[in-house]
Amino acid sequence: MFVFVLGVLVACCWLSLLLLLCFFCVVCCLLLVFVVIVVCSLCVCCLLLLLFMSSLLFIIYCLLFVVHVPFRVSEKTSLQSKCLKTQTVVVVRYVSLVCVCFVG
């Protein structure tokens, strides 16, 4: 009789340990799934933000490429102003291209 009670107690202990292990496995799996979902959604949000920023910079670059900064110049310094205008446009285009390449 004593051996039977001892066997039942050991079986109950093993069963409770097994149930506890299964519970921890389920909790760990659910936590892992939650972490994977959160990380993937953050990655997708970051990629969408990066895509938006690169397209925005590309639009700015295209606008800067097309639009020229007007200068008011006198007739005396028209050659100097043309050189200055060309240099300014080249610098603005170069800076915007570097920004597009850096973000994209």
N, C-alpha and C. Protein backbone atom coordinates (compact mmCIF):
# COMPACT_ATOMS: atom_id res chain seq x y z
N MET A 1 0.82 -1.19 0.00
CA MET A 1 0.00 0.00 0.00
C MET A 1 0.88 1.26 0.00
N PHE A 2 1.94 1.25 0.82
CA PHE A 2 2.84 2.40 0.89
C PHE A 2 3.54 2.62 -0.46
N VAL A 3 3.92 1.54 -1.11
CA VAL A 3 4.59 1.64 -2.41
C VAL A 3 3.64 2.21 -3.44
N PHE A 4 2.37 1.85 -3.37
CA PHE A 4 1.37 2.35 -4.31
C PHE A 4 1.19 3.87 -4.14
N VAL A 5 1.09 4.33 -2.89
CA VAL A 5 0.94 5.76 -2.62
C VAL A 5 2.18 6.52 -3.07
N LEU A 6 3.34 5.94 -2.81
CA LEU A 6 4.58 6.57 -3.25
C LEU A 6 4.64 6.66 -4.77
N GLY A 7 4.21 5.61 -5.45
CA GLY A 7 4.18 5.61 -6.92
C GLY A 7 3.23 6.66 -7.46
N VAL A 8 2.08 6.81 -6.81
CA VAL A 8 1.11 7.83 -7.24
C VAL A 8 1.69 9.23 -7.04
N LEU A 9 2.37 9.46 -5.92
CA LEU A 9 2.99 10.77 -5.67
C LEU A 9 4.08 11.09 -6.69
N VAL A 10 4.90 10.10 -7.00
CA VAL A 10 5.95 10.30 -8.00
C VAL A 10 5.34 10.58 -9.36
N ALA A 11 4.29 9.85 -9.71
CA ALA A 11 3.62 10.07 -11.00
C ALA A 11 3.00 11.46 -11.05
N CYS A 12 2.41 11.91 -9.95
CA CYS A 12 1.82 13.26 -9.91
C CYS A 12 2.90 14.32 -10.05
N CYS A 13 4.04 14.11 -9.40
CA CYS A 13 5.14 15.06 -9.52
C CYS A 13 5.64 15.14 -10.96
N TRP A 14 5.82 13.98 -11.59
CA TRP A 14 6.27 13.97 -12.97
C TRP A 14 5.24 14.63 -13.89
N LEU A 15 3.98 14.36 -13.65
CA LEU A 15 2.92 14.94 -14.47
C LEU A 15 2.87 16.46 -14.30
N SER A 16 3.02 16.93 -13.06
CA SER A 16 3.01 18.38 -12.83
C SER A 16 4.24 19.04 -13.46
N LEU A 17 5.39 18.37 -13.38
CA LEU A 17 6.58 18.92 -14.04
C LEU A 17 6.41 18.96 -15.56
N LEU A 18 5.80 17.93 -16.11
CA LEU A 18 5.56 17.88 -17.55
C LEU A 18 4.58 18.98 -17.97
N LEU A 19 3.53 19.18 -17.20
CA LEU A 19 2.57 20.25 -17.51
C LEU A 19 3.22 21.63 -17.38
N LEU A 20 4.06 21.79 -16.37
CA LEU A 20 4.76 23.06 -16.20
C LEU A 20 5.72 23.32 -17.36
N LEU A 21 6.40 22.27 -17.80
CA LEU A 21 7.30 22.40 -18.94
C LEU A 21 6.53 22.75 -20.20
N CYS A 22 5.39 22.11 -20.42
CA CYS A 22 4.56 22.43 -21.59
C CYS A 22 4.07 23.87 -21.53
N PHE A 23 3.68 24.32 -20.33
CA PHE A 23 3.22 25.70 -20.16
C PHE A 23 4.33 26.68 -20.52
N PHE A 24 5.54 26.43 -20.02
CA PHE A 24 6.65 27.32 -20.34
C PHE A 24 6.99 27.28 -21.82
N CYS A 25 6.87 26.11 -22.44
CA CYS A 25 7.13 26.03 -23.88
C CYS A 25 6.12 26.85 -24.67
N VAL A 26 4.85 26.76 -24.28
CA VAL A 26 3.81 27.53 -24.97
C VAL A 26 4.03 29.02 -24.78
N VAL A 27 4.35 29.42 -23.55
CA VAL A 27 4.60 30.85 -23.28
C VAL A 27 5.81 31.34 -24.06
N CYS A 28 6.87 30.55 -24.09
CA CYS A 28 8.07 30.95 -24.83
C CYS A 28 7.79 31.05 -26.33
N CYS A 29 7.03 30.11 -26.86
CA CYS A 29 6.69 30.16 -28.29
C CYS A 29 5.84 31.39 -28.60
N LEU A 30 4.87 31.69 -27.75
CA LEU A 30 4.04 32.88 -27.98
C LEU A 30 4.87 34.15 -27.88
N LEU A 31 5.78 34.19 -26.93
CA LEU A 31 6.66 35.35 -26.79
C LEU A 31 7.57 35.50 -28.01
N LEU A 32 8.07 34.39 -28.49
CA LEU A 32 8.93 34.42 -29.68
C LEU A 32 8.15 34.91 -30.90
N VAL A 33 6.92 34.43 -31.06
CA VAL A 33 6.09 34.88 -32.18
C VAL A 33 5.81 36.38 -32.06
N PHE A 34 5.52 36.84 -30.85
CA PHE A 34 5.27 38.26 -30.64
C PHE A 34 6.50 39.10 -30.99
N VAL A 35 7.66 38.66 -30.54
CA VAL A 35 8.90 39.40 -30.83
C VAL A 35 9.18 39.42 -32.33
N VAL A 36 8.97 38.29 -33.00
CA VAL A 36 9.20 38.24 -34.45
C VAL A 36 8.25 39.18 -35.17
N ILE A 37 6.99 39.21 -34.76
CA ILE A 37 6.01 40.10 -35.40
C ILE A 37 6.40 41.56 -35.18
N VAL A 38 6.79 41.90 -33.96
CA VAL A 38 7.17 43.29 -33.67
C VAL A 38 8.41 43.69 -34.45
N VAL A 39 9.42 42.82 -34.49
CA VAL A 39 10.66 43.15 -35.21
C VAL A 39 10.39 43.28 -36.71
N CYS A 40 9.59 42.38 -37.27
CA CYS A 40 9.29 42.46 -38.70
C CYS A 40 8.50 43.72 -39.03
N SER A 41 7.54 44.07 -38.18
CA SER A 41 6.77 45.28 -38.45
C SER A 41 7.65 46.53 -38.34
N LEU A 42 8.59 46.53 -37.39
CA LEU A 42 9.52 47.66 -37.29
C LEU A 42 10.42 47.75 -38.51
N CYS A 43 10.88 46.59 -38.99
CA CYS A 43 11.72 46.58 -40.19
C CYS A 43 10.95 47.10 -41.40
N VAL A 44 9.69 46.67 -41.53
CA VAL A 44 8.87 47.13 -42.65
C VAL A 44 8.63 48.64 -42.55
N CYS A 45 8.36 49.12 -41.34
CA CYS A 45 8.17 50.57 -41.16
C CYS A 45 9.44 51.34 -41.50
N CYS A 46 10.58 50.83 -41.07
CA CYS A 46 11.85 51.49 -41.39
C CYS A 46 12.12 51.49 -42.89
N LEU A 47 11.82 50.39 -43.55
CA LEU A 47 12.03 50.33 -45.00
C LEU A 47 11.09 51.29 -45.73
N LEU A 48 9.84 51.37 -45.28
CA LEU A 48 8.90 52.30 -45.90
C LEU A 48 9.34 53.75 -45.68
N LEU A 49 9.82 54.04 -44.49
CA LEU A 49 10.31 55.39 -44.20
C LEU A 49 11.53 55.72 -45.05
N LEU A 50 12.43 54.77 -45.20
CA LEU A 50 13.61 54.97 -46.03
C LEU A 50 13.23 55.18 -47.49
N LEU A 51 12.26 54.40 -47.97
CA LEU A 51 11.79 54.56 -49.34
C LEU A 51 11.15 55.93 -49.53
N PHE A 52 10.35 56.35 -48.56
CA PHE A 52 9.71 57.67 -48.65
C PHE A 52 10.75 58.78 -48.67
N MET A 53 11.75 58.68 -47.79
CA MET A 53 12.77 59.73 -47.72
C MET A 53 13.61 59.77 -49.01
N SER A 54 13.95 58.61 -49.54
CA SER A 54 14.75 58.61 -50.76
C SER A 54 13.95 59.14 -51.94
N SER A 55 12.66 58.81 -52.02
CA SER A 55 11.85 59.36 -53.11
C SER A 55 11.66 60.86 -52.94
N LEU A 56 11.51 61.31 -51.71
CA LEU A 56 11.39 62.75 -51.46
C LEU A 56 12.67 63.48 -51.86
N LEU A 57 13.81 62.92 -51.50
CA LEU A 57 15.08 63.54 -51.89
C LEU A 57 15.30 63.50 -53.40
N PHE A 58 14.82 62.44 -54.03
CA PHE A 58 14.93 62.36 -55.49
C PHE A 58 14.08 63.44 -56.15
N ILE A 59 12.89 63.68 -55.61
CA ILE A 59 12.03 64.74 -56.14
C ILE A 59 12.69 66.10 -55.94
N ILE A 60 13.27 66.31 -54.77
CA ILE A 60 13.98 67.58 -54.51
C ILE A 60 15.15 67.73 -55.47
N TYR A 61 15.87 66.64 -55.70
CA TYR A 61 17.00 66.70 -56.63
C TYR A 61 16.52 67.04 -58.04
N CYS A 62 15.43 66.43 -58.46
CA CYS A 62 14.91 66.73 -59.80
C CYS A 62 14.47 68.18 -59.91
N LEU A 63 13.84 68.68 -58.85
CA LEU A 63 13.42 70.08 -58.87
C LEU A 63 14.63 71.02 -58.91
N LEU A 64 15.66 70.69 -58.15
CA LEU A 64 16.86 71.52 -58.16
C LEU A 64 17.59 71.43 -59.49
N PHE A 65 17.48 70.29 -60.13
CA PHE A 65 18.13 70.12 -61.42
C PHE A 65 17.45 70.97 -62.49
N VAL A 66 16.13 71.08 -62.39
CA VAL A 66 15.37 71.80 -63.41
C VAL A 66 15.34 73.30 -63.11
N VAL A 67 15.12 73.64 -61.85
CA VAL A 67 14.95 75.05 -61.48
C VAL A 67 16.32 75.69 -61.30
N HIS A 68 16.51 76.82 -61.90
CA HIS A 68 17.76 77.57 -61.75
C HIS A 68 17.49 78.78 -60.86
N VAL A 69 18.47 79.10 -60.05
CA VAL A 69 18.33 80.25 -59.17
C VAL A 69 18.55 81.53 -59.98
N PRO A 70 17.54 82.39 -60.02
CA PRO A 70 17.71 83.62 -60.82
C PRO A 70 18.62 84.63 -60.11
N PHE A 71 19.40 85.29 -60.88
CA PHE A 71 20.30 86.33 -60.37
C PHE A 71 19.97 87.65 -61.05
N ARG A 72 19.97 88.71 -60.26
CA ARG A 72 19.83 90.05 -60.85
C ARG A 72 21.24 90.61 -61.05
N VAL A 73 21.55 90.83 -62.28
CA VAL A 73 22.91 91.28 -62.57
C VAL A 73 22.86 92.49 -63.50
N SER A 74 23.88 93.25 -63.41
CA SER A 74 24.01 94.36 -64.35
C SER A 74 24.70 93.85 -65.61
N GLU A 75 24.68 94.66 -66.62
CA GLU A 75 25.29 94.24 -67.88
C GLU A 75 26.81 94.15 -67.76
N LYS A 76 27.39 94.91 -66.85
CA LYS A 76 28.85 94.91 -66.70
C LYS A 76 29.37 93.56 -66.23
N THR A 77 28.68 92.99 -65.30
CA THR A 77 29.20 91.77 -64.68
C THR A 77 28.43 90.53 -65.13
N SER A 78 27.92 90.56 -66.33
CA SER A 78 27.11 89.42 -66.78
C SER A 78 27.94 88.14 -66.90
N LEU A 79 29.19 88.25 -67.37
CA LEU A 79 30.02 87.05 -67.49
C LEU A 79 30.35 86.47 -66.12
N GLN A 80 30.71 87.35 -65.18
CA GLN A 80 31.01 86.87 -63.83
C GLN A 80 29.77 86.24 -63.19
N SER A 81 28.63 86.85 -63.40
CA SER A 81 27.41 86.31 -62.80
C SER A 81 27.03 84.98 -63.43
N LYS A 82 27.27 84.84 -64.73
CA LYS A 82 26.98 83.55 -65.37
C LYS A 82 27.87 82.45 -64.77
N CYS A 83 29.14 82.77 -64.56
CA CYS A 83 30.04 81.78 -63.94
C CYS A 83 29.59 81.45 -62.52
N LEU A 84 29.21 82.48 -61.77
CA LEU A 84 28.75 82.26 -60.40
C LEU A 84 27.47 81.43 -60.39
N LYS A 85 26.57 81.75 -61.31
CA LYS A 85 25.31 81.00 -61.40
C LYS A 85 25.57 79.54 -61.74
N THR A 86 26.44 79.31 -62.69
CA THR A 86 26.77 77.94 -63.08
C THR A 86 27.42 77.18 -61.93
N GLN A 87 28.35 77.84 -61.23
CA GLN A 87 29.00 77.18 -60.09
C GLN A 87 28.00 76.88 -58.98
N THR A 88 27.08 77.82 -58.72
CA THR A 88 26.08 77.60 -57.67
C THR A 88 25.18 76.43 -58.02
N VAL A 89 24.72 76.38 -59.26
CA VAL A 89 23.84 75.29 -59.69
C VAL A 89 24.57 73.95 -59.61
N VAL A 90 25.84 73.93 -60.01
CA VAL A 90 26.62 72.69 -59.96
C VAL A 90 26.79 72.23 -58.51
N VAL A 91 27.09 73.16 -57.61
CA VAL A 91 27.26 72.81 -56.19
C VAL A 91 25.95 72.30 -55.61
N VAL A 92 24.84 72.97 -55.91
CA VAL A 92 23.53 72.54 -55.39
C VAL A 92 23.18 71.16 -55.93
N ARG A 93 23.43 70.93 -57.21
CA ARG A 93 23.15 69.61 -57.79
C ARG A 93 24.03 68.53 -57.16
N TYR A 94 25.29 68.85 -56.95
CA TYR A 94 26.20 67.87 -56.36
C TYR A 94 25.78 67.52 -54.93
N VAL A 95 25.44 68.53 -54.14
CA VAL A 95 25.02 68.29 -52.75
C VAL A 95 23.74 67.46 -52.71
N SER A 96 22.78 67.79 -53.57
CA SER A 96 21.53 67.03 -53.57
C SER A 96 21.76 65.60 -54.07
N LEU A 97 22.66 65.43 -55.03
CA LEU A 97 22.97 64.08 -55.51
C LEU A 97 23.63 63.25 -54.41
N VAL A 98 24.53 63.88 -53.65
CA VAL A 98 25.17 63.17 -52.54
C VAL A 98 24.13 62.78 -51.49
N CYS A 99 23.17 63.68 -51.21
CA CYS A 99 22.11 63.35 -50.25
C CYS A 99 21.27 62.19 -50.74
N VAL A 100 20.92 62.19 -52.02
CA VAL A 100 20.12 61.09 -52.58
C VAL A 100 20.89 59.79 -52.51
N CYS A 101 22.16 59.82 -52.85
CA CYS A 101 22.96 58.58 -52.79
C CYS A 101 23.15 58.10 -51.36
N PHE A 102 23.29 59.03 -50.42
CA PHE A 102 23.49 58.65 -49.02
C PHE A 102 22.24 58.00 -48.45
N VAL A 103 21.07 58.57 -48.73
CA VAL A 103 19.82 58.01 -48.19
C VAL A 103 19.40 56.78 -48.98
N GLY A 104 19.55 56.84 -50.31
CA GLY A 104 19.11 55.71 -51.13
C GLY A 104 20.09 54.61 -51.04
